[in-house]
Every structure is written in C-alpha cells, then in structure tokens.
Amino acid sequence: GLLLGAFGAAGLAAPIAAEVSELA
C-alpha cells in the first residue's frame, strides 16, 4: 500500500489520465 501510494505521489499515475484524453 505504501509503495503504490508512493508511485501515485510521484506522478506515475499521470500517464493513465493522459491516455484517456489523447486525441480528444
């Protein structure tokens, strides 16, 4: 849980959001 939280805090979850809006 701490490791996953650290990934999210580091911004590693951002590419997932970017893919959704790509070529919107």
mmCIF file of all heavy atoms, coordinates in Angstrom:
data_MODEL
# 
_entry.id   MODEL 
# 
loop_
_atom_site.group_PDB 
_atom_site.id 
_atom_site.type_symbol 
_atom_site.label_atom_id 
_atom_site.label_alt_id 
_atom_site.label_comp_id 
_atom_site.label_asym_id 
_atom_site.label_entity_id 
_atom_site.label_seq_id 
_atom_site.pdbx_PDB_ins_code 
_atom_site.Cartn_x 
_atom_site.Cartn_y 
_atom_site.Cartn_z 
_atom_site.occupancy 
_atom_site.B_iso_or_equiv 
_atom_site.pdbx_formal_charge 
_atom_site.auth_seq_id 
_atom_site.auth_comp_id 
_atom_site.auth_asym_id 
_atom_site.auth_atom_id 
_atom_site.pdbx_PDB_model_num 
ATOM 1   N N   . GLY A 1 1  ? 0.820   -1.213 0.000   1.00 0.00 ? 1  GLY A N   1 
ATOM 2   C CA  . GLY A 1 1  ? 0.000   0.000  0.000   1.00 0.00 ? 1  GLY A CA  1 
ATOM 3   C C   . GLY A 1 1  ? 0.847   1.252  0.000   1.00 0.00 ? 1  GLY A C   1 
ATOM 4   O O   . GLY A 1 1  ? 0.577   2.214  -0.715  1.00 0.00 ? 1  GLY A O   1 
ATOM 5   N N   . LEU A 1 2  ? 1.905   1.271  0.816   1.00 0.00 ? 2  LEU A N   1 
ATOM 6   C CA  . LEU A 1 2  ? 2.810   2.416  0.852   1.00 0.00 ? 2  LEU A CA  1 
ATOM 7   C C   . LEU A 1 2  ? 3.521   2.589  -0.480  1.00 0.00 ? 2  LEU A C   1 
ATOM 8   O O   . LEU A 1 2  ? 3.692   3.702  -0.978  1.00 0.00 ? 2  LEU A O   1 
ATOM 9   C CB  . LEU A 1 2  ? 3.830   2.252  1.987   1.00 0.00 ? 2  LEU A CB  1 
ATOM 10  C CG  . LEU A 1 2  ? 3.280   2.392  3.402   1.00 0.00 ? 2  LEU A CG  1 
ATOM 11  C CD1 . LEU A 1 2  ? 4.350   2.040  4.422   1.00 0.00 ? 2  LEU A CD1 1 
ATOM 12  C CD2 . LEU A 1 2  ? 2.759   3.801  3.629   1.00 0.00 ? 2  LEU A CD2 1 
ATOM 13  N N   . LEU A 1 3  ? 3.940   1.474  -1.086  1.00 0.00 ? 3  LEU A N   1 
ATOM 14  C CA  . LEU A 1 3  ? 4.628   1.515  -2.362  1.00 0.00 ? 3  LEU A CA  1 
ATOM 15  C C   . LEU A 1 3  ? 3.719   2.068  -3.455  1.00 0.00 ? 3  LEU A C   1 
ATOM 16  O O   . LEU A 1 3  ? 4.110   2.940  -4.231  1.00 0.00 ? 3  LEU A O   1 
ATOM 17  C CB  . LEU A 1 3  ? 5.123   0.111  -2.735  1.00 0.00 ? 3  LEU A CB  1 
ATOM 18  C CG  . LEU A 1 3  ? 5.945   -0.010 -4.009  1.00 0.00 ? 3  LEU A CG  1 
ATOM 19  C CD1 . LEU A 1 3  ? 7.212   0.823  -3.895  1.00 0.00 ? 3  LEU A CD1 1 
ATOM 20  C CD2 . LEU A 1 3  ? 6.287   -1.452 -4.275  1.00 0.00 ? 3  LEU A CD2 1 
ATOM 21  N N   . LEU A 1 4  ? 2.484   1.588  -3.510  1.00 0.00 ? 4  LEU A N   1 
ATOM 22  C CA  . LEU A 1 4  ? 1.533   2.091  -4.512  1.00 0.00 ? 4  LEU A CA  1 
ATOM 23  C C   . LEU A 1 4  ? 1.226   3.563  -4.281  1.00 0.00 ? 4  LEU A C   1 
ATOM 24  O O   . LEU A 1 4  ? 1.108   4.331  -5.227  1.00 0.00 ? 4  LEU A O   1 
ATOM 25  C CB  . LEU A 1 4  ? 0.250   1.263  -4.499  1.00 0.00 ? 4  LEU A CB  1 
ATOM 26  C CG  . LEU A 1 4  ? 0.393   -0.163 -5.019  1.00 0.00 ? 4  LEU A CG  1 
ATOM 27  C CD1 . LEU A 1 4  ? -0.916  -0.918 -4.827  1.00 0.00 ? 4  LEU A CD1 1 
ATOM 28  C CD2 . LEU A 1 4  ? 0.806   -0.187 -6.465  1.00 0.00 ? 4  LEU A CD2 1 
ATOM 29  N N   . GLY A 1 5  ? 1.118   3.956  -3.018  1.00 0.00 ? 5  GLY A N   1 
ATOM 30  C CA  . GLY A 1 5  ? 0.891   5.363  -2.692  1.00 0.00 ? 5  GLY A CA  1 
ATOM 31  C C   . GLY A 1 5  ? 2.054   6.225  -3.143  1.00 0.00 ? 5  GLY A C   1 
ATOM 32  O O   . GLY A 1 5  ? 1.883   7.332  -3.641  1.00 0.00 ? 5  GLY A O   1 
ATOM 33  N N   . ALA A 1 6  ? 3.272   5.728  -2.987  1.00 0.00 ? 6  ALA A N   1 
ATOM 34  C CA  . ALA A 1 6  ? 4.454   6.471  -3.411  1.00 0.00 ? 6  ALA A CA  1 
ATOM 35  C C   . ALA A 1 6  ? 4.470   6.654  -4.923  1.00 0.00 ? 6  ALA A C   1 
ATOM 36  O O   . ALA A 1 6  ? 4.837   7.715  -5.429  1.00 0.00 ? 6  ALA A O   1 
ATOM 37  C CB  . ALA A 1 6  ? 5.720   5.750  -2.958  1.00 0.00 ? 6  ALA A CB  1 
ATOM 38  N N   . PHE A 1 7  ? 4.075   5.613  -5.666  1.00 0.00 ? 7  PHE A N   1 
ATOM 39  C CA  . PHE A 1 7  ? 4.016   5.743  -7.122  1.00 0.00 ? 7  PHE A CA  1 
ATOM 40  C C   . PHE A 1 7  ? 3.022   6.825  -7.520  1.00 0.00 ? 7  PHE A C   1 
ATOM 41  O O   . PHE A 1 7  ? 3.284   7.622  -8.395  1.00 0.00 ? 7  PHE A O   1 
ATOM 42  C CB  . PHE A 1 7  ? 3.631   4.420  -7.788  1.00 0.00 ? 7  PHE A CB  1 
ATOM 43  C CG  . PHE A 1 7  ? 4.754   3.437  -7.896  1.00 0.00 ? 7  PHE A CG  1 
ATOM 44  C CD1 . PHE A 1 7  ? 4.582   2.130  -7.474  1.00 0.00 ? 7  PHE A CD1 1 
ATOM 45  C CD2 . PHE A 1 7  ? 5.969   3.807  -8.423  1.00 0.00 ? 7  PHE A CD2 1 
ATOM 46  C CE1 . PHE A 1 7  ? 5.608   1.220  -7.573  1.00 0.00 ? 7  PHE A CE1 1 
ATOM 47  C CE2 . PHE A 1 7  ? 7.003   2.909  -8.531  1.00 0.00 ? 7  PHE A CE2 1 
ATOM 48  C CZ  . PHE A 1 7  ? 6.825   1.599  -8.095  1.00 0.00 ? 7  PHE A CZ  1 
ATOM 49  N N   . GLY A 1 8  ? 1.878   6.833  -6.891  1.00 0.00 ? 8  GLY A N   1 
ATOM 50  C CA  . GLY A 1 8  ? 0.870   7.847  -7.193  1.00 0.00 ? 8  GLY A CA  1 
ATOM 51  C C   . GLY A 1 8  ? 1.360   9.240  -6.857  1.00 0.00 ? 8  GLY A C   1 
ATOM 52  O O   . GLY A 1 8  ? 1.183   10.182 -7.607  1.00 0.00 ? 8  GLY A O   1 
ATOM 53  N N   . ALA A 1 9  ? 2.034   9.388  -5.696  1.00 0.00 ? 9  ALA A N   1 
ATOM 54  C CA  . ALA A 1 9  ? 2.554   10.680 -5.285  1.00 0.00 ? 9  ALA A CA  1 
ATOM 55  C C   . ALA A 1 9  ? 3.661   11.145 -6.218  1.00 0.00 ? 9  ALA A C   1 
ATOM 56  O O   . ALA A 1 9  ? 3.857   12.335 -6.428  1.00 0.00 ? 9  ALA A O   1 
ATOM 57  C CB  . ALA A 1 9  ? 3.070   10.604 -3.848  1.00 0.00 ? 9  ALA A CB  1 
ATOM 58  N N   . ALA A 1 10 ? 4.394   10.217 -6.790  1.00 0.00 ? 10 ALA A N   1 
ATOM 59  C CA  . ALA A 1 10 ? 5.487   10.574 -7.702  1.00 0.00 ? 10 ALA A CA  1 
ATOM 60  C C   . ALA A 1 10 ? 4.968   10.963 -9.079  1.00 0.00 ? 10 ALA A C   1 
ATOM 61  O O   . ALA A 1 10 ? 5.735   11.321 -9.952  1.00 0.00 ? 10 ALA A O   1 
ATOM 62  C CB  . ALA A 1 10 ? 6.461   9.395  -7.821  1.00 0.00 ? 10 ALA A CB  1 
ATOM 63  N N   . GLY A 1 11 ? 3.672   10.855 -9.301  1.00 0.00 ? 11 GLY A N   1 
ATOM 64  C CA  . GLY A 1 11 ? 3.101   11.237 -10.586 1.00 0.00 ? 11 GLY A CA  1 
ATOM 65  C C   . GLY A 1 11 ? 3.120   10.124 -11.613 1.00 0.00 ? 11 GLY A C   1 
ATOM 66  O O   . GLY A 1 11 ? 2.880   10.362 -12.776 1.00 0.00 ? 11 GLY A O   1 
ATOM 67  N N   . LEU A 1 12 ? 3.393   8.918  -11.208 1.00 0.00 ? 12 LEU A N   1 
ATOM 68  C CA  . LEU A 1 12 ? 3.452   7.824  -12.160 1.00 0.00 ? 12 LEU A CA  1 
ATOM 69  C C   . LEU A 1 12 ? 2.068   7.399  -12.628 1.00 0.00 ? 12 LEU A C   1 
ATOM 70  O O   . LEU A 1 12 ? 1.943   6.710  -13.618 1.00 0.00 ? 12 LEU A O   1 
ATOM 71  C CB  . LEU A 1 12 ? 4.211   6.638  -11.562 1.00 0.00 ? 12 LEU A CB  1 
ATOM 72  C CG  . LEU A 1 12 ? 5.684   6.940  -11.275 1.00 0.00 ? 12 LEU A CG  1 
ATOM 73  C CD1 . LEU A 1 12 ? 6.341   5.732  -10.623 1.00 0.00 ? 12 LEU A CD1 1 
ATOM 74  C CD2 . LEU A 1 12 ? 6.425   7.312  -12.538 1.00 0.00 ? 12 LEU A CD2 1 
ATOM 75  N N   . ALA A 1 13 ? 1.038   7.847  -11.952 1.00 0.00 ? 13 ALA A N   1 
ATOM 76  C CA  . ALA A 1 13 ? -0.316  7.530  -12.398 1.00 0.00 ? 13 ALA A CA  1 
ATOM 77  C C   . ALA A 1 13 ? -0.782  8.501  -13.478 1.00 0.00 ? 13 ALA A C   1 
ATOM 78  O O   . ALA A 1 13 ? -1.751  8.249  -14.153 1.00 0.00 ? 13 ALA A O   1 
ATOM 79  C CB  . ALA A 1 13 ? -1.284  7.572  -11.208 1.00 0.00 ? 13 ALA A CB  1 
ATOM 80  N N   . ALA A 1 14 ? -0.085  9.603  -13.689 1.00 0.00 ? 14 ALA A N   1 
ATOM 81  C CA  . ALA A 1 14 ? -0.492  10.620 -14.653 1.00 0.00 ? 14 ALA A CA  1 
ATOM 82  C C   . ALA A 1 14 ? -0.603  10.104 -16.085 1.00 0.00 ? 14 ALA A C   1 
ATOM 83  O O   . ALA A 1 14 ? -1.513  10.492 -16.794 1.00 0.00 ? 14 ALA A O   1 
ATOM 84  C CB  . ALA A 1 14 ? 0.463   11.812 -14.578 1.00 0.00 ? 14 ALA A CB  1 
ATOM 85  N N   . PRO A 1 15 ? 0.302   9.238  -16.588 1.00 0.00 ? 15 PRO A N   1 
ATOM 86  C CA  . PRO A 1 15 ? 0.160   8.787  -17.968 1.00 0.00 ? 15 PRO A CA  1 
ATOM 87  C C   . PRO A 1 15 ? -1.169  8.093  -18.247 1.00 0.00 ? 15 PRO A C   1 
ATOM 88  O O   . PRO A 1 15 ? -1.669  8.163  -19.354 1.00 0.00 ? 15 PRO A O   1 
ATOM 89  C CB  . PRO A 1 15 ? 1.336   7.818  -18.153 1.00 0.00 ? 15 PRO A CB  1 
ATOM 90  C CG  . PRO A 1 15 ? 2.355   8.293  -17.184 1.00 0.00 ? 15 PRO A CG  1 
ATOM 91  C CD  . PRO A 1 15 ? 1.546   8.780  -16.006 1.00 0.00 ? 15 PRO A CD  1 
ATOM 92  N N   . ILE A 1 16 ? -1.743  7.464  -17.267 1.00 0.00 ? 16 ILE A N   1 
ATOM 93  C CA  . ILE A 1 16 ? -3.042  6.814  -17.465 1.00 0.00 ? 16 ILE A CA  1 
ATOM 94  C C   . ILE A 1 16 ? -4.089  7.858  -17.797 1.00 0.00 ? 16 ILE A C   1 
ATOM 95  O O   . ILE A 1 16 ? -4.862  7.711  -18.727 1.00 0.00 ? 16 ILE A O   1 
ATOM 96  C CB  . ILE A 1 16 ? -3.435  5.989  -16.221 1.00 0.00 ? 16 ILE A CB  1 
ATOM 97  C CG1 . ILE A 1 16 ? -2.455  4.826  -16.058 1.00 0.00 ? 16 ILE A CG1 1 
ATOM 98  C CG2 . ILE A 1 16 ? -4.868  5.500  -16.327 1.00 0.00 ? 16 ILE A CG2 1 
ATOM 99  C CD1 . ILE A 1 16 ? -2.594  4.080  -14.753 1.00 0.00 ? 16 ILE A CD1 1 
ATOM 100 N N   . ALA A 1 17 ? -4.098  8.966  -17.075 1.00 0.00 ? 17 ALA A N   1 
ATOM 101 C CA  . ALA A 1 17 ? -5.055  10.033 -17.338 1.00 0.00 ? 17 ALA A CA  1 
ATOM 102 C C   . ALA A 1 17 ? -4.787  10.666 -18.698 1.00 0.00 ? 17 ALA A C   1 
ATOM 103 O O   . ALA A 1 17 ? -5.706  11.019 -19.414 1.00 0.00 ? 17 ALA A O   1 
ATOM 104 C CB  . ALA A 1 17 ? -4.984  11.080 -16.232 1.00 0.00 ? 17 ALA A CB  1 
ATOM 105 N N   . ALA A 1 18 ? -3.527  10.799 -19.079 1.00 0.00 ? 18 ALA A N   1 
ATOM 106 C CA  . ALA A 1 18 ? -3.186  11.412 -20.362 1.00 0.00 ? 18 ALA A CA  1 
ATOM 107 C C   . ALA A 1 18 ? -3.676  10.565 -21.534 1.00 0.00 ? 18 ALA A C   1 
ATOM 108 O O   . ALA A 1 18 ? -4.101  11.086 -22.547 1.00 0.00 ? 18 ALA A O   1 
ATOM 109 C CB  . ALA A 1 18 ? -1.678  11.621 -20.460 1.00 0.00 ? 18 ALA A CB  1 
ATOM 110 N N   . GLU A 1 19 ? -3.629  9.247  -21.416 1.00 0.00 ? 19 GLU A N   1 
ATOM 111 C CA  . GLU A 1 19 ? -4.075  8.373  -22.496 1.00 0.00 ? 19 GLU A CA  1 
ATOM 112 C C   . GLU A 1 19 ? -5.558  8.546  -22.773 1.00 0.00 ? 19 GLU A C   1 
ATOM 113 O O   . GLU A 1 19 ? -5.989  8.461  -23.896 1.00 0.00 ? 19 GLU A O   1 
ATOM 114 C CB  . GLU A 1 19 ? -3.772  6.915  -22.150 1.00 0.00 ? 19 GLU A CB  1 
ATOM 115 C CG  . GLU A 1 19 ? -2.305  6.572  -22.275 1.00 0.00 ? 19 GLU A CG  1 
ATOM 116 C CD  . GLU A 1 19 ? -2.045  5.123  -21.949 1.00 0.00 ? 19 GLU A CD  1 
ATOM 117 O OE1 . GLU A 1 19 ? -2.909  4.277  -22.234 1.00 0.00 ? 19 GLU A OE1 1 
ATOM 118 O OE2 . GLU A 1 19 ? -0.984  4.845  -21.389 1.00 0.00 ? 19 GLU A OE2 1 
ATOM 119 N N   . VAL A 1 20 ? -6.332  8.780  -21.741 1.00 0.00 ? 20 VAL A N   1 
ATOM 120 C CA  . VAL A 1 20 ? -7.772  8.911  -21.909 1.00 0.00 ? 20 VAL A CA  1 
ATOM 121 C C   . VAL A 1 20 ? -8.101  10.124 -22.776 1.00 0.00 ? 20 VAL A C   1 
ATOM 122 O O   . VAL A 1 20 ? -8.960  10.065 -23.631 1.00 0.00 ? 20 VAL A O   1 
ATOM 123 C CB  . VAL A 1 20 ? -8.463  9.014  -20.525 1.00 0.00 ? 20 VAL A CB  1 
ATOM 124 C CG1 . VAL A 1 20 ? -9.928  9.353  -20.676 1.00 0.00 ? 20 VAL A CG1 1 
ATOM 125 C CG2 . VAL A 1 20 ? -8.284  7.728  -19.764 1.00 0.00 ? 20 VAL A CG2 1 
ATOM 126 N N   . SER A 1 21 ? -7.378  11.232 -22.593 1.00 0.00 ? 21 SER A N   1 
ATOM 127 C CA  . SER A 1 21 ? -7.703  12.445 -23.320 1.00 0.00 ? 21 SER A CA  1 
ATOM 128 C C   . SER A 1 21 ? -6.906  12.600 -24.618 1.00 0.00 ? 21 SER A C   1 
ATOM 129 O O   . SER A 1 21 ? -7.100  13.551 -25.339 1.00 0.00 ? 21 SER A O   1 
ATOM 130 C CB  . SER A 1 21 ? -7.454  13.663 -22.424 1.00 0.00 ? 21 SER A CB  1 
ATOM 131 O OG  . SER A 1 21 ? -6.080  13.753 -22.104 1.00 0.00 ? 21 SER A OG  1 
ATOM 132 N N   . GLU A 1 22 ? -6.010  11.653 -24.918 1.00 0.00 ? 22 GLU A N   1 
ATOM 133 C CA  . GLU A 1 22 ? -5.209  11.772 -26.129 1.00 0.00 ? 22 GLU A CA  1 
ATOM 134 C C   . GLU A 1 22 ? -6.105  11.775 -27.367 1.00 0.00 ? 22 GLU A C   1 
ATOM 135 O O   . GLU A 1 22 ? -6.997  10.954 -27.499 1.00 0.00 ? 22 GLU A O   1 
ATOM 136 C CB  . GLU A 1 22 ? -4.210  10.615 -26.200 1.00 0.00 ? 22 GLU A CB  1 
ATOM 137 C CG  . GLU A 1 22 ? -3.192  10.785 -27.285 1.00 0.00 ? 22 GLU A CG  1 
ATOM 138 C CD  . GLU A 1 22 ? -2.085  9.750  -27.182 1.00 0.00 ? 22 GLU A CD  1 
ATOM 139 O OE1 . GLU A 1 22 ? -2.384  8.562  -27.337 1.00 0.00 ? 22 GLU A OE1 1 
ATOM 140 O OE2 . GLU A 1 22 ? -0.953  10.154 -26.937 1.00 0.00 ? 22 GLU A OE2 1 
ATOM 141 N N   . LEU A 1 23 ? -5.874  12.728 -28.239 1.00 0.00 ? 23 LEU A N   1 
ATOM 142 C CA  . LEU A 1 23 ? -6.643  12.909 -29.467 1.00 0.00 ? 23 LEU A CA  1 
ATOM 143 C C   . LEU A 1 23 ? -8.130  13.139 -29.193 1.00 0.00 ? 23 LEU A C   1 
ATOM 144 O O   . LEU A 1 23 ? -8.991  12.783 -29.996 1.00 0.00 ? 23 LEU A O   1 
ATOM 145 C CB  . LEU A 1 23 ? -6.444  11.727 -30.416 1.00 0.00 ? 23 LEU A CB  1 
ATOM 146 C CG  . LEU A 1 23 ? -4.996  11.463 -30.840 1.00 0.00 ? 23 LEU A CG  1 
ATOM 147 C CD1 . LEU A 1 23 ? -4.917  10.202 -31.683 1.00 0.00 ? 23 LEU A CD1 1 
ATOM 148 C CD2 . LEU A 1 23 ? -4.408  12.650 -31.583 1.00 0.00 ? 23 LEU A CD2 1 
ATOM 149 N N   . ALA A 1 24 ? -8.431  13.772 -28.084 1.00 0.00 ? 24 ALA A N   1 
ATOM 150 C CA  . ALA A 1 24 ? -9.822  14.003 -27.681 1.00 0.00 ? 24 ALA A CA  1 
ATOM 151 C C   . ALA A 1 24 ? -10.592 14.815 -28.722 1.00 0.00 ? 24 ALA A C   1 
ATOM 152 O O   . ALA A 1 24 ? -11.797 14.629 -28.890 1.00 0.00 ? 24 ALA A O   1 
ATOM 153 C CB  . ALA A 1 24 ? -9.876  14.690 -26.319 1.00 0.00 ? 24 ALA A CB  1 
# 
